[in-house]
Amino acid sequence: MNLSLLIHNIGSVLSAIVSLGLALFTYFGHPRKVANTTLALTMLSVSVFYISHVIGVNLTDPLSSRAALMFNVSIIFIVMFNVHCVLSVIGKAREKRYLIAFFYASGIFLTLFYLLQPDAFLAPSTPKLYFPNYYEAGAYHWAMRVIFNFIIPVYFLLAMFRAYQQGDPVMRNRLKYFFLALTLGYSIGFIPVLLVFNIPVDPNWGLFFVFFYAVPFVYGVLFYQLLDIRILAKRAFLYALTVVAMSLSIIFISFSNNFIAARYPAFPLWLIPSLASLIAVGIGVFVWRKIRETDLLKYEFVTIITHKFRTPLTHIKWTTEELMKIKLPTEQRKQIEDIKISNNRLVELTNLLTTLSDSGKENYMYRREAVKLETFIRPIIMPYLKWFSEKGVRIVFQMTNNLPEVFLDSVKIRFVLRTILENALAYTATGGVVTVSVNTNGNEAIIRVKDTGIGISHEDQTRIFSKFFRSTAAKRVDTEGVGVGLFMAKIIVERHGGKIQVFSEGEGKGSKFTITLPLDQR
């Protein structure tokens, strides 16, 4: 086998494996997120492209080669899923849903046309350079290249540029990686296309486009879904790249074994598998140490932050208690009381952050007690009456009489209710109405908070309880939020055996949060 063809085959297989791995990694990172799903489908389509490519260019029969290379229609799906992913990330997927549907319809139509008329996409393969067979463009092959390699990529590059001009710093950072991925990926990835049109350029120069395209894209989508903690994200990214590089080394060594054995019969065949085994062990040790290091870093981070928060909060508490002992005008005493209430809430939040730092564990204790819903909820709402009044938002409280007791952790459920009330206050404009109602249905207590605020799009409703997620509309109204309140609220309610849901008819149409708690949960 020609050395250039061997390199090409090894590189194609490695790229297919990496693409498939990135697809799984991206999807399982957040399976319900549209950006993750479409990016995973993009990477899966890239993997299909590489697999069909390496099979097709190595077959000696022209028709069999073309049959394998026909799977390269996956290029159409790469672009379709890619543009959907980009529009989802920049928050334009719902606004451009008809255009996205048009792109999908066009892609599916062209794919079916090519599959029904293979000669329109590819002619029977012919030998080119060192390949036993290579692509030979069909009569309408150019249509796919013009639409899906030029028109649509140019469109979403322009869409990203507009989003970059209007975006916040975090969005701009994400888009920088997207620009890098698309510019390098498409330019390098287009090199093998030249030989399709009989321009004698070695396709090996564009063989590894997936690393220039996929890695920055995955980084931009996944790691910026977390907080904009760049140091931690870059460290995690470097770990991932190291593991990928070491894994590729193993695969490369394994593929090289047959080649070396054929060229050098006296070469000891046990040496290369032994070397691969040593590298595999090294990877295992490396990954184990980094996972352990990450857990330790996480524990230390939570411990330090908790300590740093509690110290000034304790001083504030002592100071307010001392001030309350002094004879002060009524207005000033009310202001100090507000400071005291806010400080107590920060203490509760700090404690919750500590207990919820590992959301996958459920073995920490909940201090449940029997509480009367009326006497429990009214004191939570009272401090908000002043703030709602100052903003010009009317709050209505409706409660069924003679409500039964509920067994719950009052501190944690209080946090849940405060989170929802604060959101209603933040996202309801002057003149709006917020309605809080409490009743029972069978063996369940139901708490509803309905507002006439900014509402939630149907797409965002599926993600509203996700960690660090904030809708584009919410970011415009409140730039300081980080998207952890509702995520924590969901965990708390579910660990009480209940459920929390959101309902909204869309943006600008208000929203309703419903908390359902079992009455007999002890």
Protein backbone atom coordinates (compact mmCIF):
# COMPACT_ATOMS: atom_id res chain seq x y z
CA MET A 1 0.00 0.00 0.00
CA ASN A 2 1.26 3.47 -0.92
CA LEU A 3 2.51 5.40 2.16
CA SER A 4 0.37 8.45 1.30
CA LEU A 5 -2.71 6.23 1.03
CA LEU A 6 -1.85 4.57 4.35
CA ILE A 7 -1.57 7.97 6.04
CA HIS A 8 -4.85 9.00 4.43
CA ASN A 9 -6.63 5.85 5.65
CA ILE A 10 -5.28 6.12 9.19
CA GLY A 11 -6.17 9.81 9.35
CA SER A 12 -9.70 9.19 8.06
CA VAL A 13 -10.37 6.44 10.60
CA LEU A 14 -8.97 8.55 13.45
CA SER A 15 -11.11 11.51 12.37
CA ALA A 16 -14.21 9.30 12.20
CA ILE A 17 -13.56 7.99 15.73
CA VAL A 18 -12.94 11.49 17.11
CA SER A 19 -16.10 12.82 15.41
CA LEU A 20 -18.20 9.99 16.85
CA GLY A 21 -16.69 10.53 20.30
CA LEU A 22 -17.42 14.26 20.16
CA ALA A 23 -21.00 13.52 19.05
CA LEU A 24 -21.61 11.32 22.10
CA PHE A 25 -19.78 13.70 24.43
CA THR A 26 -21.78 16.68 23.17
CA TYR A 27 -25.16 14.96 23.27
CA PHE A 28 -24.85 13.46 26.74
CA GLY A 29 -23.51 16.77 28.04
CA HIS A 30 -27.06 18.11 27.80
CA PRO A 31 -29.41 15.86 25.76
CA ARG A 32 -32.40 18.22 25.96
CA LYS A 33 -30.59 21.29 24.71
CA VAL A 34 -31.18 22.04 21.03
CA ALA A 35 -27.65 23.36 20.50
CA ASN A 36 -26.15 20.17 21.94
CA THR A 37 -28.44 17.87 19.95
CA THR A 38 -27.82 19.62 16.64
CA LEU A 39 -24.06 19.81 17.26
CA ALA A 40 -24.03 16.09 18.13
CA LEU A 41 -25.88 15.35 14.87
CA THR A 42 -23.34 17.52 13.03
CA MET A 43 -20.46 15.48 14.47
CA LEU A 44 -22.30 12.24 13.70
CA SER A 45 -22.71 13.36 10.08
CA VAL A 46 -18.98 14.16 9.94
CA SER A 47 -18.23 10.64 11.19
CA VAL A 48 -20.49 9.14 8.48
CA PHE A 49 -18.65 11.24 5.89
CA TYR A 50 -15.21 9.96 6.99
CA ILE A 51 -16.31 6.31 7.15
CA SER A 52 -17.91 6.33 3.69
CA HIS A 53 -14.93 8.27 2.33
CA VAL A 54 -12.24 5.86 3.54
CA ILE A 55 -14.21 2.86 2.31
CA GLY A 56 -15.01 4.38 -1.10
CA VAL A 57 -11.52 5.57 -2.02
CA ASN A 58 -10.04 2.12 -1.28
CA LEU A 59 -12.44 0.06 -3.40
CA THR A 60 -11.14 -0.94 -6.82
CA ASP A 61 -14.52 -1.40 -8.50
CA PRO A 62 -15.75 2.01 -9.79
CA LEU A 63 -19.45 1.31 -9.12
CA SER A 64 -18.86 -0.14 -5.65
CA SER A 65 -16.66 2.84 -4.86
CA ARG A 66 -19.37 5.26 -5.96
CA ALA A 67 -21.99 3.37 -3.92
CA ALA A 68 -19.89 3.87 -0.78
CA LEU A 69 -19.09 7.50 -1.58
CA MET A 70 -22.80 8.26 -2.09
CA PHE A 71 -23.02 8.44 1.72
CA ASN A 72 -21.12 11.70 1.32
CA VAL A 73 -24.53 13.34 0.99
CA SER A 74 -23.96 13.60 4.78
CA ILE A 75 -22.20 16.88 3.85
CA ILE A 76 -25.68 18.33 3.36
CA PHE A 77 -26.68 17.28 6.89
CA ILE A 78 -23.42 18.60 8.37
CA VAL A 79 -24.32 22.08 7.12
CA MET A 80 -28.03 21.85 8.01
CA PHE A 81 -27.39 20.75 11.61
CA ASN A 82 -24.54 23.24 11.89
CA VAL A 83 -26.65 26.26 10.96
CA HIS A 84 -29.41 25.11 13.33
CA CYS A 85 -26.84 24.80 16.12
CA VAL A 86 -25.44 28.29 15.47
CA LEU A 87 -28.88 29.90 15.41
CA SER A 88 -29.78 28.11 18.67
CA VAL A 89 -26.64 29.36 20.40
CA ILE A 90 -27.21 32.98 19.38
CA GLY A 91 -30.87 32.76 20.41
CA LYS A 92 -32.36 33.10 16.91
CA ALA A 93 -33.67 29.57 16.36
CA ARG A 94 -37.28 30.40 17.19
CA GLU A 95 -37.23 33.67 15.25
CA LYS A 96 -35.71 31.92 12.19
CA ARG A 97 -37.69 28.67 12.55
CA TYR A 98 -39.27 28.98 9.09
CA LEU A 99 -35.88 29.56 7.50
CA ILE A 100 -34.46 26.55 9.38
CA ALA A 101 -37.41 24.46 8.16
CA PHE A 102 -36.68 25.66 4.60
CA PHE A 103 -33.02 24.62 4.93
CA TYR A 104 -34.03 21.17 6.17
CA ALA A 105 -36.63 20.75 3.43
CA SER A 106 -34.10 21.81 0.77
CA GLY A 107 -31.48 19.44 2.14
CA ILE A 108 -33.83 16.48 2.32
CA PHE A 109 -35.14 17.17 -1.20
CA LEU A 110 -31.61 17.37 -2.64
CA THR A 111 -30.56 14.21 -0.77
CA LEU A 112 -33.52 12.25 -2.12
CA PHE A 113 -32.82 13.58 -5.62
CA TYR A 114 -29.20 12.42 -5.45
CA LEU A 115 -30.14 9.00 -4.04
CA LEU A 116 -32.75 8.45 -6.76
CA GLN A 117 -30.44 9.82 -9.49
CA PRO A 118 -26.90 8.80 -8.42
CA ASP A 119 -25.38 10.09 -11.67
CA ALA A 120 -26.52 13.58 -10.71
CA PHE A 121 -24.30 13.48 -7.62
CA LEU A 122 -21.37 11.24 -8.58
CA ALA A 123 -20.24 9.50 -11.74
CA PRO A 124 -18.54 6.09 -11.38
CA SER A 125 -15.28 6.59 -9.47
CA THR A 126 -11.92 6.83 -11.27
CA PRO A 127 -8.30 6.39 -10.09
CA LYS A 128 -6.67 9.68 -9.09
CA LEU A 129 -3.23 10.34 -7.61
CA TYR A 130 -2.51 7.43 -5.23
CA PHE A 131 -6.17 6.42 -4.75
CA PRO A 132 -7.49 3.20 -6.32
CA ASN A 133 -10.68 5.20 -6.92
CA TYR A 134 -11.77 8.74 -6.13
CA TYR A 135 -14.84 10.94 -6.56
CA GLU A 136 -15.95 11.93 -10.04
CA ALA A 137 -18.46 14.80 -9.91
CA GLY A 138 -21.89 14.14 -11.40
CA ALA A 139 -23.95 16.45 -13.59
CA TYR A 140 -25.58 18.31 -10.67
CA HIS A 141 -22.90 17.85 -8.03
CA TRP A 142 -22.28 21.58 -8.20
CA ALA A 143 -25.75 22.30 -6.73
CA MET A 144 -24.77 20.80 -3.38
CA ARG A 145 -21.47 22.69 -3.36
CA VAL A 146 -23.04 26.05 -4.20
CA ILE A 147 -25.93 25.80 -1.70
CA PHE A 148 -24.37 23.88 1.19
CA ASN A 149 -20.70 24.80 0.87
CA PHE A 150 -21.19 28.46 0.01
CA ILE A 151 -24.63 30.10 0.32
CA ILE A 152 -25.72 28.67 3.69
CA PRO A 153 -22.28 28.97 5.38
CA VAL A 154 -22.06 32.61 4.24
CA TYR A 155 -25.55 33.21 5.66
CA PHE A 156 -24.80 31.94 9.13
CA LEU A 157 -21.39 33.64 9.17
CA LEU A 158 -23.28 36.92 8.64
CA ALA A 159 -25.81 35.90 11.34
CA MET A 160 -22.94 35.27 13.76
CA PHE A 161 -21.35 38.60 12.88
CA ARG A 162 -24.60 40.44 13.70
CA ALA A 163 -24.93 38.47 16.95
CA TYR A 164 -21.33 39.34 17.82
CA GLN A 165 -22.03 43.07 17.39
CA GLN A 166 -25.10 42.87 19.67
CA GLY A 167 -23.92 40.21 22.12
CA ASP A 168 -22.62 40.39 25.67
CA PRO A 169 -18.97 39.48 26.48
CA VAL A 170 -19.78 35.80 27.08
CA MET A 171 -21.61 35.49 23.74
CA ARG A 172 -18.76 37.25 21.96
CA ASN A 173 -16.25 34.82 23.43
CA ARG A 174 -18.31 31.87 22.23
CA LEU A 175 -18.64 33.35 18.75
CA LYS A 176 -14.88 33.83 18.50
CA TYR A 177 -14.49 30.05 18.71
CA PHE A 178 -17.27 29.59 16.16
CA PHE A 179 -15.59 32.00 13.72
CA LEU A 180 -12.31 30.15 14.18
CA ALA A 181 -13.96 26.75 13.69
CA LEU A 182 -15.91 27.72 10.58
CA THR A 183 -13.08 29.63 8.94
CA LEU A 184 -10.43 26.96 9.46
CA GLY A 185 -12.78 23.99 9.16
CA TYR A 186 -14.39 24.99 5.88
CA SER A 187 -11.21 26.27 4.26
CA ILE A 188 -9.09 23.25 5.21
CA GLY A 189 -11.97 20.84 4.69
CA PHE A 190 -12.47 22.12 1.13
CA ILE A 191 -8.95 21.01 0.04
CA PRO A 192 -9.99 17.37 -0.72
CA VAL A 193 -12.85 18.74 -2.87
CA LEU A 194 -10.34 20.15 -5.38
CA LEU A 195 -9.40 16.67 -6.57
CA VAL A 196 -13.10 15.91 -7.14
CA PHE A 197 -12.93 18.49 -9.95
CA ASN A 198 -9.58 17.08 -11.15
CA ILE A 199 -7.42 19.81 -9.60
CA PRO A 200 -4.32 17.79 -8.56
CA VAL A 201 -3.97 18.85 -4.93
CA ASP A 202 -3.13 16.15 -2.36
CA PRO A 203 -6.26 15.61 -0.17
CA ASN A 204 -4.01 14.76 2.78
CA TRP A 205 -3.50 18.51 3.29
CA GLY A 206 -7.15 18.78 4.32
CA LEU A 207 -7.46 15.38 5.96
CA PHE A 208 -7.65 16.51 9.60
CA PHE A 209 -10.11 19.36 9.16
CA VAL A 210 -12.26 17.87 11.95
CA PHE A 211 -9.73 18.94 14.57
CA PHE A 212 -9.77 22.54 13.34
CA TYR A 213 -13.54 22.55 12.97
CA ALA A 214 -15.05 20.31 15.63
CA VAL A 215 -12.85 20.98 18.66
CA PRO A 216 -13.32 24.80 18.78
CA PHE A 217 -17.04 24.37 18.04
CA VAL A 218 -17.59 21.85 20.83
CA TYR A 219 -15.61 24.07 23.20
CA GLY A 220 -17.74 27.09 22.33
CA VAL A 221 -21.03 25.22 22.78
CA LEU A 222 -20.29 23.09 25.84
CA PHE A 223 -17.90 24.95 28.09
CA TYR A 224 -19.60 28.33 27.77
CA GLN A 225 -22.86 26.73 28.89
CA LEU A 226 -21.25 26.93 32.29
CA LEU A 227 -20.39 30.20 33.94
CA ASP A 228 -17.79 32.28 32.17
CA ILE A 229 -15.06 30.79 34.36
CA ARG A 230 -12.41 30.78 31.70
CA ILE A 231 -9.56 29.33 33.71
CA LEU A 232 -11.52 26.23 34.72
CA ALA A 233 -12.96 25.82 31.23
CA LYS A 234 -9.57 26.08 29.56
CA ARG A 235 -8.07 23.62 32.02
CA ALA A 236 -10.85 21.10 31.34
CA PHE A 237 -10.45 21.70 27.61
CA LEU A 238 -6.70 21.03 27.78
CA TYR A 239 -7.35 17.82 29.73
CA ALA A 240 -9.76 16.68 27.02
CA LEU A 241 -7.29 17.49 24.25
CA THR A 242 -4.54 15.59 26.06
CA VAL A 243 -6.71 12.51 26.46
CA VAL A 244 -7.75 12.69 22.77
CA ALA A 245 -4.12 13.03 21.66
CA MET A 246 -3.03 10.06 23.76
CA SER A 247 -5.94 7.96 22.49
CA LEU A 248 -5.05 8.82 18.90
CA SER A 249 -1.49 7.74 19.59
CA ILE A 250 -2.71 4.27 20.58
CA ILE A 251 -4.82 3.97 17.44
CA PHE A 252 -1.96 5.18 15.25
CA ILE A 253 0.45 2.65 16.78
CA SER A 254 -2.03 -0.18 16.27
CA PHE A 255 -2.56 0.73 12.60
CA SER A 256 1.19 0.99 12.09
CA ASN A 257 1.83 -2.56 13.34
CA ASN A 258 0.78 -4.31 10.12
CA PHE A 259 2.61 -1.80 7.95
CA ILE A 260 5.90 -2.23 9.84
CA ALA A 261 5.52 -6.02 9.95
CA ALA A 262 5.09 -6.11 6.17
CA ARG A 263 8.10 -3.85 5.52
CA TYR A 264 10.43 -5.28 8.19
CA PRO A 265 9.77 -9.02 8.82
CA ALA A 266 12.52 -9.21 11.46
CA PHE A 267 10.90 -6.50 13.57
CA PRO A 268 9.61 -7.92 16.92
CA LEU A 269 5.79 -7.94 16.66
CA TRP A 270 5.35 -7.89 20.45
CA LEU A 271 6.99 -4.48 20.79
CA ILE A 272 4.22 -2.28 19.35
CA PRO A 273 1.31 -3.92 21.28
CA SER A 274 3.39 -3.61 24.46
CA LEU A 275 3.98 0.06 23.75
CA ALA A 276 0.24 0.57 23.12
CA SER A 277 -0.55 -1.16 26.43
CA LEU A 278 1.85 1.11 28.31
CA ILE A 279 0.22 4.17 26.76
CA ALA A 280 -3.24 2.82 27.67
CA VAL A 281 -2.15 2.40 31.28
CA GLY A 282 -0.70 5.91 31.20
CA ILE A 283 -4.02 7.29 29.94
CA GLY A 284 -5.90 5.49 32.72
CA VAL A 285 -3.60 6.89 35.40
CA PHE A 286 -3.77 10.37 33.88
CA VAL A 287 -7.58 10.40 33.71
CA TRP A 288 -7.91 9.03 37.25
CA ARG A 289 -5.56 11.68 38.64
CA LYS A 290 -7.35 14.49 36.82
CA ILE A 291 -10.78 13.31 38.00
CA ARG A 292 -9.44 13.16 41.55
CA GLU A 293 -7.87 16.58 41.14
CA THR A 294 -11.16 18.00 39.82
CA ASP A 295 -13.11 16.61 42.80
CA LEU A 296 -10.55 18.05 45.20
CA LEU A 297 -10.65 21.42 43.44
CA LYS A 298 -14.44 21.40 43.62
CA TYR A 299 -14.44 20.59 47.34
CA GLU A 300 -11.84 23.24 48.10
CA PHE A 301 -13.69 25.81 46.00
CA VAL A 302 -16.98 25.25 47.85
CA THR A 303 -15.24 25.25 51.23
CA ILE A 304 -13.34 28.47 50.57
CA ILE A 305 -16.32 30.30 49.08
CA THR A 306 -18.56 29.22 51.95
CA HIS A 307 -16.04 30.45 54.49
CA LYS A 308 -15.46 33.71 52.63
CA PHE A 309 -19.21 34.35 52.41
CA ARG A 310 -20.03 33.46 55.99
CA THR A 311 -17.41 35.68 57.61
CA PRO A 312 -18.68 39.04 56.25
CA LEU A 313 -22.29 37.88 56.58
CA THR A 314 -21.72 37.18 60.27
CA HIS A 315 -20.24 40.66 60.76
CA ILE A 316 -23.24 42.22 58.99
CA LYS A 317 -25.59 40.26 61.26
CA TRP A 318 -23.80 41.42 64.42
CA THR A 319 -23.75 45.03 63.21
CA THR A 320 -27.46 45.09 62.41
CA GLU A 321 -28.30 43.55 65.78
CA GLU A 322 -26.27 46.25 67.52
CA LEU A 323 -27.91 48.99 65.46
CA MET A 324 -31.37 47.64 66.33
CA LYS A 325 -30.55 48.28 70.02
CA ILE A 326 -30.07 51.99 69.32
CA LYS A 327 -33.02 54.35 69.32
CA LEU A 328 -33.40 55.37 65.70
CA PRO A 329 -36.14 56.99 63.61
CA THR A 330 -38.75 54.56 62.30
CA GLU A 331 -37.62 54.87 58.67
CA GLN A 332 -34.03 54.02 59.53
CA ARG A 333 -35.11 51.06 61.67
CA LYS A 334 -37.07 49.73 58.68
CA GLN A 335 -33.99 50.06 56.48
CA ILE A 336 -31.88 48.18 59.02
CA GLU A 337 -34.56 45.50 59.22
CA ASP A 338 -34.40 45.15 55.42
CA ILE A 339 -30.63 44.70 55.67
CA LYS A 340 -31.11 42.05 58.34
CA ILE A 341 -33.67 40.15 56.25
CA SER A 342 -31.47 40.27 53.15
CA ASN A 343 -28.47 39.13 55.17
CA ASN A 344 -30.40 36.15 56.53
CA ARG A 345 -31.38 35.22 52.99
CA LEU A 346 -27.74 35.32 51.92
CA VAL A 347 -26.83 33.03 54.80
CA GLU A 348 -29.53 30.57 53.70
CA LEU A 349 -28.35 30.77 50.09
CA THR A 350 -24.74 30.09 51.17
CA ASN A 351 -25.85 27.01 53.08
CA LEU A 352 -27.89 25.80 50.11
CA LEU A 353 -24.97 26.25 47.75
CA THR A 354 -22.91 24.06 50.04
CA THR A 355 -25.46 21.25 50.26
CA LEU A 356 -26.32 21.41 46.55
CA SER A 357 -22.74 21.62 45.30
CA ASP A 358 -23.00 17.97 44.33
CA SER A 359 -26.47 17.67 42.85
CA GLY A 360 -25.95 14.00 42.06
CA LYS A 361 -25.96 12.96 45.73
CA GLU A 362 -29.10 12.64 47.76
CA ASN A 363 -27.69 11.36 51.03
CA TYR A 364 -27.49 14.62 52.91
CA MET A 365 -30.19 15.23 55.50
CA TYR A 366 -33.35 17.24 55.02
CA ARG A 367 -34.74 18.57 58.27
CA ARG A 368 -38.44 18.01 57.61
CA GLU A 369 -41.06 19.27 60.01
CA ALA A 370 -44.82 19.66 60.01
CA VAL A 371 -45.82 23.18 58.98
CA LYS A 372 -49.13 24.89 58.37
CA LEU A 373 -49.00 26.23 54.84
CA GLU A 374 -50.78 29.48 55.71
CA THR A 375 -48.50 30.37 58.63
CA PHE A 376 -45.49 29.27 56.57
CA ILE A 377 -46.17 31.12 53.31
CA ARG A 378 -47.57 34.43 54.56
CA PRO A 379 -44.31 35.51 56.33
CA ILE A 380 -42.39 34.70 53.14
CA ILE A 381 -44.61 36.97 51.05
CA MET A 382 -44.83 39.88 53.51
CA PRO A 383 -41.35 41.41 52.85
CA TYR A 384 -42.09 41.40 49.11
CA LEU A 385 -45.23 43.52 49.44
CA LYS A 386 -43.13 46.66 49.86
CA TRP A 387 -40.88 45.87 46.89
CA PHE A 388 -43.79 45.00 44.61
CA SER A 389 -45.54 48.22 45.65
CA GLU A 390 -42.42 50.32 44.98
CA LYS A 391 -42.20 48.87 41.46
CA GLY A 392 -45.92 49.39 40.82
CA VAL A 393 -46.75 45.71 40.52
CA ARG A 394 -49.90 44.45 42.24
CA ILE A 395 -49.59 41.18 44.17
CA VAL A 396 -52.68 39.07 44.90
CA PHE A 397 -52.64 36.31 47.53
CA GLN A 398 -55.28 33.55 47.37
CA MET A 399 -55.37 30.69 49.88
CA THR A 400 -57.88 27.94 50.61
CA ASN A 401 -59.07 27.83 54.23
CA ASN A 402 -58.12 25.07 56.67
CA LEU A 403 -55.17 23.77 54.71
CA PRO A 404 -53.56 20.63 56.19
CA GLU A 405 -50.00 20.37 57.46
CA VAL A 406 -47.16 19.57 55.10
CA PHE A 407 -43.90 17.88 56.08
CA LEU A 408 -41.03 19.83 54.52
CA ASP A 409 -37.67 21.42 55.10
CA SER A 410 -38.84 24.98 55.73
CA VAL A 411 -35.45 26.57 54.96
CA LYS A 412 -35.14 24.95 51.55
CA ILE A 413 -38.77 25.39 50.47
CA ARG A 414 -38.55 29.02 51.62
CA PHE A 415 -35.65 29.44 49.19
CA VAL A 416 -37.76 27.93 46.38
CA LEU A 417 -40.64 30.34 46.97
CA ARG A 418 -38.32 33.34 47.26
CA THR A 419 -36.61 32.42 44.00
CA ILE A 420 -39.91 32.33 42.13
CA LEU A 421 -41.21 35.53 43.77
CA GLU A 422 -37.97 37.37 42.99
CA ASN A 423 -38.18 36.25 39.37
CA ALA A 424 -41.79 37.45 39.19
CA LEU A 425 -40.72 40.80 40.65
CA ALA A 426 -37.73 41.15 38.29
CA TYR A 427 -39.53 40.14 35.09
CA THR A 428 -42.92 41.82 35.58
CA ALA A 429 -43.13 45.42 34.39
CA THR A 430 -44.84 48.31 36.19
CA GLY A 431 -48.61 47.90 36.11
CA GLY A 432 -48.41 44.11 36.07
CA VAL A 433 -50.00 41.60 38.43
CA VAL A 434 -48.53 38.66 40.34
CA THR A 435 -50.95 36.12 41.80
CA VAL A 436 -49.92 33.64 44.49
CA SER A 437 -52.44 30.85 45.21
CA VAL A 438 -52.29 27.86 47.56
CA ASN A 439 -54.71 24.93 47.65
CA THR A 440 -54.82 21.16 47.80
CA ASN A 441 -55.74 18.44 45.35
CA GLY A 442 -56.11 15.01 46.90
CA ASN A 443 -52.90 14.19 48.74
CA GLU A 444 -50.98 17.11 47.25
CA ALA A 445 -50.48 20.74 48.17
CA ILE A 446 -50.23 23.04 45.15
CA ILE A 447 -48.56 26.46 45.20
CA ARG A 448 -48.93 28.60 42.08
CA VAL A 449 -47.18 31.88 41.24
CA LYS A 450 -48.59 33.51 38.11
CA ASP A 451 -47.32 36.77 36.63
CA THR A 452 -48.00 39.02 33.64
CA GLY A 453 -44.30 39.45 32.89
CA ILE A 454 -41.98 38.79 29.96
CA GLY A 455 -43.06 35.17 29.55
CA ILE A 456 -40.98 32.24 28.35
CA SER A 457 -40.70 30.90 24.81
CA HIS A 458 -41.80 27.31 24.19
CA GLU A 459 -38.21 26.34 23.36
CA ASP A 460 -36.84 27.83 26.59
CA GLN A 461 -39.50 26.19 28.77
CA THR A 462 -37.79 22.83 28.29
CA ARG A 463 -34.51 24.30 29.59
CA ILE A 464 -35.65 26.77 32.21
CA PHE A 465 -34.65 24.49 35.11
CA SER A 466 -31.23 23.67 33.63
CA LYS A 467 -28.07 24.67 35.44
CA PHE A 468 -26.83 28.14 34.41
CA PHE A 469 -29.50 28.54 31.73
CA ARG A 470 -31.03 31.98 31.18
CA SER A 471 -33.27 32.94 28.28
CA THR A 472 -32.30 35.79 25.99
CA ALA A 473 -35.33 37.81 27.17
CA ALA A 474 -34.33 37.33 30.81
CA LYS A 475 -30.78 38.51 30.09
CA ARG A 476 -32.12 41.71 28.57
CA VAL A 477 -34.18 42.51 31.68
CA ASP A 478 -31.72 41.38 34.36
CA THR A 479 -28.06 41.24 33.34
CA GLU A 480 -26.80 40.12 36.75
CA GLY A 481 -28.46 36.69 37.06
CA VAL A 482 -26.51 33.47 36.55
CA GLY A 483 -29.31 30.90 36.19
CA VAL A 484 -28.86 28.73 39.28
CA GLY A 485 -31.97 29.62 41.30
CA LEU A 486 -34.52 27.56 39.36
CA PHE A 487 -32.04 24.71 38.95
CA MET A 488 -31.62 24.54 42.73
CA ALA A 489 -35.37 24.95 43.26
CA LYS A 490 -36.07 21.93 41.03
CA ILE A 491 -33.64 19.76 42.99
CA ILE A 492 -35.16 20.81 46.33
CA VAL A 493 -38.76 20.19 45.26
CA GLU A 494 -37.95 16.82 43.69
CA ARG A 495 -36.14 15.70 46.84
CA HIS A 496 -39.31 16.46 48.72
CA GLY A 497 -41.09 13.99 46.45
CA GLY A 498 -42.80 16.79 44.54
CA LYS A 499 -42.45 18.51 41.19
CA ILE A 500 -42.06 22.04 39.87
CA GLN A 501 -43.42 23.06 36.47
CA VAL A 502 -43.58 26.17 34.32
CA PHE A 503 -46.34 27.20 31.92
CA SER A 504 -46.27 30.10 29.47
CA GLU A 505 -47.96 30.89 26.17
CA GLY A 506 -44.79 32.53 24.90
CA GLU A 507 -42.67 35.66 25.22
CA GLY A 508 -44.59 38.70 26.45
CA LYS A 509 -47.50 36.57 27.70
CA GLY A 510 -46.54 36.00 31.32
CA SER A 511 -45.72 32.73 33.06
CA LYS A 512 -46.98 30.46 35.82
CA PHE A 513 -44.85 28.32 38.13
CA THR A 514 -46.53 25.43 39.92
CA ILE A 515 -45.02 23.65 42.93
CA THR A 516 -46.66 20.36 43.91
CA LEU A 517 -45.75 18.83 47.29
CA PRO A 518 -47.08 15.58 48.78
CA LEU A 519 -48.97 16.10 52.03
CA ASP A 520 -47.88 12.87 53.72
CA GLN A 521 -44.16 12.91 52.79
CA ARG A 522 -42.19 12.41 56.03
